[in-house]
Amino acid sequence: MALHLTQVLEKPLSSEKNTIVASTENVYAFQVHRAANKQMIKQAVEQLLGVKVEEVRTMQLLGKARRVGKHSGVRAQTKKAFVKVVAGQTIDYFVA
């Protein structure tokens, strides 16, 4: 499946833990398309955000079974990517 660069990165993940890791280790978390591989993620971050990527780690998150009253279902499966950028460079999630 051929993905366009704008389809690879779905959204940045900002939590307290991700913010601490981003400020100390230069590692940023993104939710990415499930079909994206590490090379595609690296290329998308470098071209769209203008930083040099050092390392990419990915993880698959399986859908969780949920129930509301008598109705049951499964949450969607997702994929996370942890991108380490070169020292001295940063990514601004929220640009005004």
N, C-alpha and C. Protein backbone atom coordinates (compact mmCIF):
# COMPACT_ATOMS: atom_id res chain seq x y z
N MET A 1 0.85 -1.18 0.00
CA MET A 1 0.00 0.00 0.00
C MET A 1 0.89 1.24 0.00
N ALA A 2 0.68 2.09 -0.98
CA ALA A 2 1.47 3.30 -1.08
C ALA A 2 0.77 4.43 -0.33
N LEU A 3 1.45 4.92 0.70
CA LEU A 3 0.91 6.02 1.50
C LEU A 3 1.61 7.32 1.13
N HIS A 4 0.85 8.39 1.08
CA HIS A 4 1.44 9.71 0.90
C HIS A 4 2.02 10.15 2.24
N LEU A 5 3.02 11.01 2.21
CA LEU A 5 3.68 11.45 3.45
C LEU A 5 2.71 12.05 4.45
N THR A 6 1.69 12.74 3.97
CA THR A 6 0.73 13.36 4.89
C THR A 6 -0.21 12.35 5.53
N GLN A 7 -0.27 11.14 5.00
CA GLN A 7 -1.12 10.10 5.58
C GLN A 7 -0.39 9.27 6.63
N VAL A 8 0.93 9.32 6.66
CA VAL A 8 1.71 8.48 7.57
C VAL A 8 1.50 8.93 9.01
N LEU A 9 1.70 10.21 9.31
CA LEU A 9 1.53 10.73 10.66
C LEU A 9 0.08 11.13 10.87
N GLU A 10 -0.59 10.50 11.82
CA GLU A 10 -1.99 10.84 12.08
C GLU A 10 -2.14 11.97 13.08
N LYS A 11 -1.45 11.86 14.23
CA LYS A 11 -1.51 12.94 15.22
C LYS A 11 -0.38 12.77 16.23
N PRO A 12 0.07 13.87 16.82
CA PRO A 12 1.06 13.76 17.90
C PRO A 12 0.37 13.30 19.18
N LEU A 13 1.08 12.55 19.99
CA LEU A 13 0.54 12.08 21.26
C LEU A 13 1.19 12.89 22.38
N SER A 14 0.38 13.64 23.09
CA SER A 14 0.93 14.45 24.17
C SER A 14 0.31 14.01 25.49
N SER A 15 1.14 13.43 26.31
CA SER A 15 0.75 13.08 27.67
C SER A 15 1.85 13.59 28.59
N GLU A 16 1.64 13.46 29.85
CA GLU A 16 2.65 13.94 30.80
C GLU A 16 3.97 13.19 30.61
N LYS A 17 3.90 11.88 30.44
CA LYS A 17 5.11 11.08 30.27
C LYS A 17 5.81 11.42 28.95
N ASN A 18 5.04 11.56 27.86
CA ASN A 18 5.64 11.91 26.57
C ASN A 18 6.29 13.28 26.59
N THR A 19 5.72 14.22 27.33
CA THR A 19 6.29 15.56 27.44
C THR A 19 7.62 15.52 28.18
N ILE A 20 7.69 14.75 29.25
CA ILE A 20 8.94 14.63 30.01
C ILE A 20 10.02 13.98 29.16
N VAL A 21 9.68 12.90 28.45
CA VAL A 21 10.66 12.21 27.61
C VAL A 21 11.11 13.11 26.47
N ALA A 22 10.20 13.89 25.92
CA ALA A 22 10.56 14.80 24.82
C ALA A 22 11.55 15.85 25.29
N SER A 23 11.38 16.36 26.51
CA SER A 23 12.27 17.41 26.98
C SER A 23 13.62 16.88 27.44
N THR A 24 13.67 15.64 27.91
CA THR A 24 14.93 15.10 28.42
C THR A 24 15.70 14.29 27.38
N GLU A 25 15.01 13.50 26.56
CA GLU A 25 15.69 12.57 25.65
C GLU A 25 15.48 12.88 24.17
N ASN A 26 14.75 13.95 23.84
CA ASN A 26 14.46 14.31 22.45
C ASN A 26 13.70 13.22 21.70
N VAL A 27 12.78 12.55 22.38
CA VAL A 27 11.95 11.50 21.78
C VAL A 27 10.50 11.98 21.75
N TYR A 28 9.89 11.96 20.58
CA TYR A 28 8.52 12.43 20.40
C TYR A 28 7.63 11.27 19.97
N ALA A 29 6.39 11.26 20.45
CA ALA A 29 5.45 10.18 20.17
C ALA A 29 4.39 10.65 19.17
N PHE A 30 4.08 9.77 18.23
CA PHE A 30 3.06 10.04 17.22
C PHE A 30 2.18 8.81 17.05
N GLN A 31 0.91 9.05 16.72
CA GLN A 31 0.06 7.96 16.27
C GLN A 31 0.22 7.94 14.76
N VAL A 32 0.53 6.78 14.21
CA VAL A 32 0.82 6.67 12.78
C VAL A 32 -0.13 5.68 12.12
N HIS A 33 -0.16 5.69 10.81
CA HIS A 33 -0.99 4.76 10.05
C HIS A 33 -0.50 3.35 10.31
N ARG A 34 -1.42 2.40 10.38
CA ARG A 34 -1.05 1.02 10.73
C ARG A 34 -0.17 0.37 9.68
N ALA A 35 -0.24 0.81 8.42
CA ALA A 35 0.55 0.21 7.35
C ALA A 35 1.93 0.87 7.20
N ALA A 36 2.20 1.91 7.96
CA ALA A 36 3.47 2.64 7.84
C ALA A 36 4.60 1.86 8.49
N ASN A 37 5.77 1.85 7.82
CA ASN A 37 6.94 1.21 8.42
C ASN A 37 7.91 2.29 8.91
N LYS A 38 9.02 1.86 9.49
CA LYS A 38 9.95 2.81 10.11
C LYS A 38 10.56 3.78 9.10
N GLN A 39 10.87 3.28 7.90
CA GLN A 39 11.46 4.16 6.89
C GLN A 39 10.46 5.23 6.45
N MET A 40 9.20 4.86 6.30
CA MET A 40 8.17 5.82 5.91
C MET A 40 7.97 6.87 6.99
N ILE A 41 7.98 6.44 8.25
CA ILE A 41 7.80 7.37 9.37
C ILE A 41 8.96 8.35 9.44
N LYS A 42 10.18 7.83 9.28
CA LYS A 42 11.36 8.68 9.31
C LYS A 42 11.31 9.72 8.20
N GLN A 43 10.97 9.30 7.00
CA GLN A 43 10.90 10.21 5.86
C GLN A 43 9.82 11.27 6.06
N ALA A 44 8.67 10.87 6.60
CA ALA A 44 7.56 11.81 6.81
C ALA A 44 7.93 12.86 7.85
N VAL A 45 8.55 12.46 8.95
CA VAL A 45 8.93 13.40 10.01
C VAL A 45 9.99 14.37 9.49
N GLU A 46 10.98 13.84 8.78
CA GLU A 46 12.04 14.71 8.28
C GLU A 46 11.52 15.73 7.27
N GLN A 47 10.63 15.32 6.38
CA GLN A 47 10.17 16.24 5.34
C GLN A 47 9.07 17.16 5.83
N LEU A 48 8.14 16.65 6.63
CA LEU A 48 7.01 17.48 7.06
C LEU A 48 7.38 18.41 8.22
N LEU A 49 8.23 17.95 9.13
CA LEU A 49 8.53 18.74 10.32
C LEU A 49 9.91 19.40 10.28
N GLY A 50 10.72 19.06 9.30
CA GLY A 50 12.00 19.73 9.10
C GLY A 50 13.05 19.44 10.16
N VAL A 51 13.10 18.22 10.66
CA VAL A 51 14.13 17.84 11.63
C VAL A 51 14.85 16.59 11.12
N LYS A 52 16.02 16.31 11.68
CA LYS A 52 16.79 15.12 11.33
C LYS A 52 16.48 14.02 12.34
N VAL A 53 16.04 12.86 11.86
CA VAL A 53 15.64 11.75 12.73
C VAL A 53 16.82 10.81 12.94
N GLU A 54 17.03 10.46 14.20
CA GLU A 54 18.10 9.55 14.57
C GLU A 54 17.61 8.11 14.64
N GLU A 55 16.43 7.89 15.23
CA GLU A 55 15.94 6.54 15.47
C GLU A 55 14.41 6.56 15.51
N VAL A 56 13.80 5.45 15.07
CA VAL A 56 12.35 5.29 15.12
C VAL A 56 12.03 3.95 15.77
N ARG A 57 11.17 3.98 16.79
CA ARG A 57 10.67 2.75 17.42
C ARG A 57 9.16 2.73 17.26
N THR A 58 8.60 1.57 16.97
CA THR A 58 7.16 1.47 16.78
C THR A 58 6.57 0.41 17.69
N MET A 59 5.27 0.54 17.94
CA MET A 59 4.55 -0.48 18.71
C MET A 59 3.11 -0.55 18.21
N GLN A 60 2.60 -1.78 18.17
CA GLN A 60 1.21 -2.03 17.77
C GLN A 60 0.36 -2.08 19.03
N LEU A 61 -0.77 -1.39 19.02
CA LEU A 61 -1.70 -1.43 20.13
C LEU A 61 -2.96 -2.14 19.66
N LEU A 62 -3.26 -3.28 20.27
CA LEU A 62 -4.44 -4.04 19.88
C LEU A 62 -5.70 -3.39 20.41
N GLY A 63 -6.79 -3.56 19.69
CA GLY A 63 -8.07 -3.00 20.09
C GLY A 63 -8.55 -3.63 21.39
N LYS A 64 -9.13 -2.82 22.23
CA LYS A 64 -9.57 -3.25 23.54
C LYS A 64 -11.07 -3.55 23.50
N ALA A 65 -11.48 -4.66 24.10
CA ALA A 65 -12.90 -4.98 24.16
C ALA A 65 -13.59 -4.05 25.15
N ARG A 66 -14.66 -3.41 24.71
CA ARG A 66 -15.39 -2.46 25.54
C ARG A 66 -16.87 -2.83 25.55
N ARG A 67 -17.54 -2.50 26.64
CA ARG A 67 -18.96 -2.79 26.74
C ARG A 67 -19.67 -1.60 27.36
N VAL A 68 -20.78 -1.20 26.76
CA VAL A 68 -21.63 -0.15 27.30
C VAL A 68 -23.03 -0.73 27.41
N GLY A 69 -23.46 -0.99 28.62
CA GLY A 69 -24.76 -1.63 28.82
C GLY A 69 -24.75 -3.03 28.24
N LYS A 70 -25.71 -3.33 27.39
CA LYS A 70 -25.76 -4.66 26.78
C LYS A 70 -25.02 -4.73 25.45
N HIS A 71 -24.52 -3.60 24.98
CA HIS A 71 -23.81 -3.56 23.70
C HIS A 71 -22.31 -3.72 23.92
N SER A 72 -21.70 -4.58 23.14
CA SER A 72 -20.26 -4.77 23.25
C SER A 72 -19.60 -4.54 21.90
N GLY A 73 -18.34 -4.20 21.94
CA GLY A 73 -17.60 -3.95 20.72
C GLY A 73 -16.11 -3.93 21.01
N VAL A 74 -15.34 -3.55 20.02
CA VAL A 74 -13.89 -3.52 20.14
C VAL A 74 -13.39 -2.17 19.64
N ARG A 75 -12.50 -1.54 20.40
CA ARG A 75 -11.87 -0.30 19.94
C ARG A 75 -10.94 -0.61 18.77
N ALA A 76 -10.66 0.38 17.99
CA ALA A 76 -9.80 0.20 16.82
C ALA A 76 -8.36 -0.08 17.23
N GLN A 77 -7.66 -0.85 16.40
CA GLN A 77 -6.25 -1.09 16.63
C GLN A 77 -5.47 0.11 16.11
N THR A 78 -4.40 0.47 16.80
CA THR A 78 -3.61 1.63 16.41
C THR A 78 -2.13 1.29 16.43
N LYS A 79 -1.32 2.22 15.96
CA LYS A 79 0.13 2.05 15.96
C LYS A 79 0.77 3.34 16.45
N LYS A 80 1.74 3.21 17.35
CA LYS A 80 2.48 4.35 17.88
C LYS A 80 3.90 4.32 17.34
N ALA A 81 4.48 5.50 17.19
CA ALA A 81 5.88 5.61 16.80
C ALA A 81 6.56 6.58 17.74
N PHE A 82 7.73 6.18 18.22
CA PHE A 82 8.56 7.04 19.06
C PHE A 82 9.76 7.45 18.22
N VAL A 83 9.86 8.75 17.95
CA VAL A 83 10.87 9.28 17.04
C VAL A 83 11.90 10.06 17.83
N LYS A 84 13.16 9.65 17.71
CA LYS A 84 14.25 10.37 18.38
C LYS A 84 14.92 11.27 17.36
N VAL A 85 14.97 12.57 17.67
CA VAL A 85 15.59 13.53 16.76
C VAL A 85 17.01 13.85 17.23
N VAL A 86 17.79 14.40 16.34
CA VAL A 86 19.18 14.74 16.62
C VAL A 86 19.23 15.78 17.73
N ALA A 87 20.25 15.71 18.58
CA ALA A 87 20.41 16.64 19.69
C ALA A 87 20.47 18.07 19.16
N GLY A 88 19.77 18.95 19.85
CA GLY A 88 19.73 20.36 19.47
C GLY A 88 18.52 20.74 18.64
N GLN A 89 17.79 19.75 18.13
CA GLN A 89 16.59 20.03 17.35
C GLN A 89 15.36 19.65 18.16
N THR A 90 14.27 20.37 17.95
CA THR A 90 13.03 20.08 18.66
C THR A 90 11.87 20.13 17.67
N ILE A 91 10.76 19.53 18.10
CA ILE A 91 9.52 19.56 17.32
C ILE A 91 8.50 20.31 18.15
N ASP A 92 7.89 21.34 17.57
CA ASP A 92 6.83 22.08 18.25
C ASP A 92 5.49 21.48 17.82
N TYR A 93 4.80 20.86 18.78
CA TYR A 93 3.50 20.25 18.48
C TYR A 93 2.46 21.30 18.17
N PHE A 94 2.41 22.33 19.00
CA PHE A 94 1.36 23.32 18.90
C PHE A 94 1.93 24.63 18.41
N VAL A 95 1.86 24.83 17.12
CA VAL A 95 2.39 26.05 16.51
C VAL A 95 1.22 27.02 16.33
N ALA A 96 1.36 28.23 16.86
CA ALA A 96 0.27 29.22 16.77
C ALA A 96 0.23 29.87 15.42
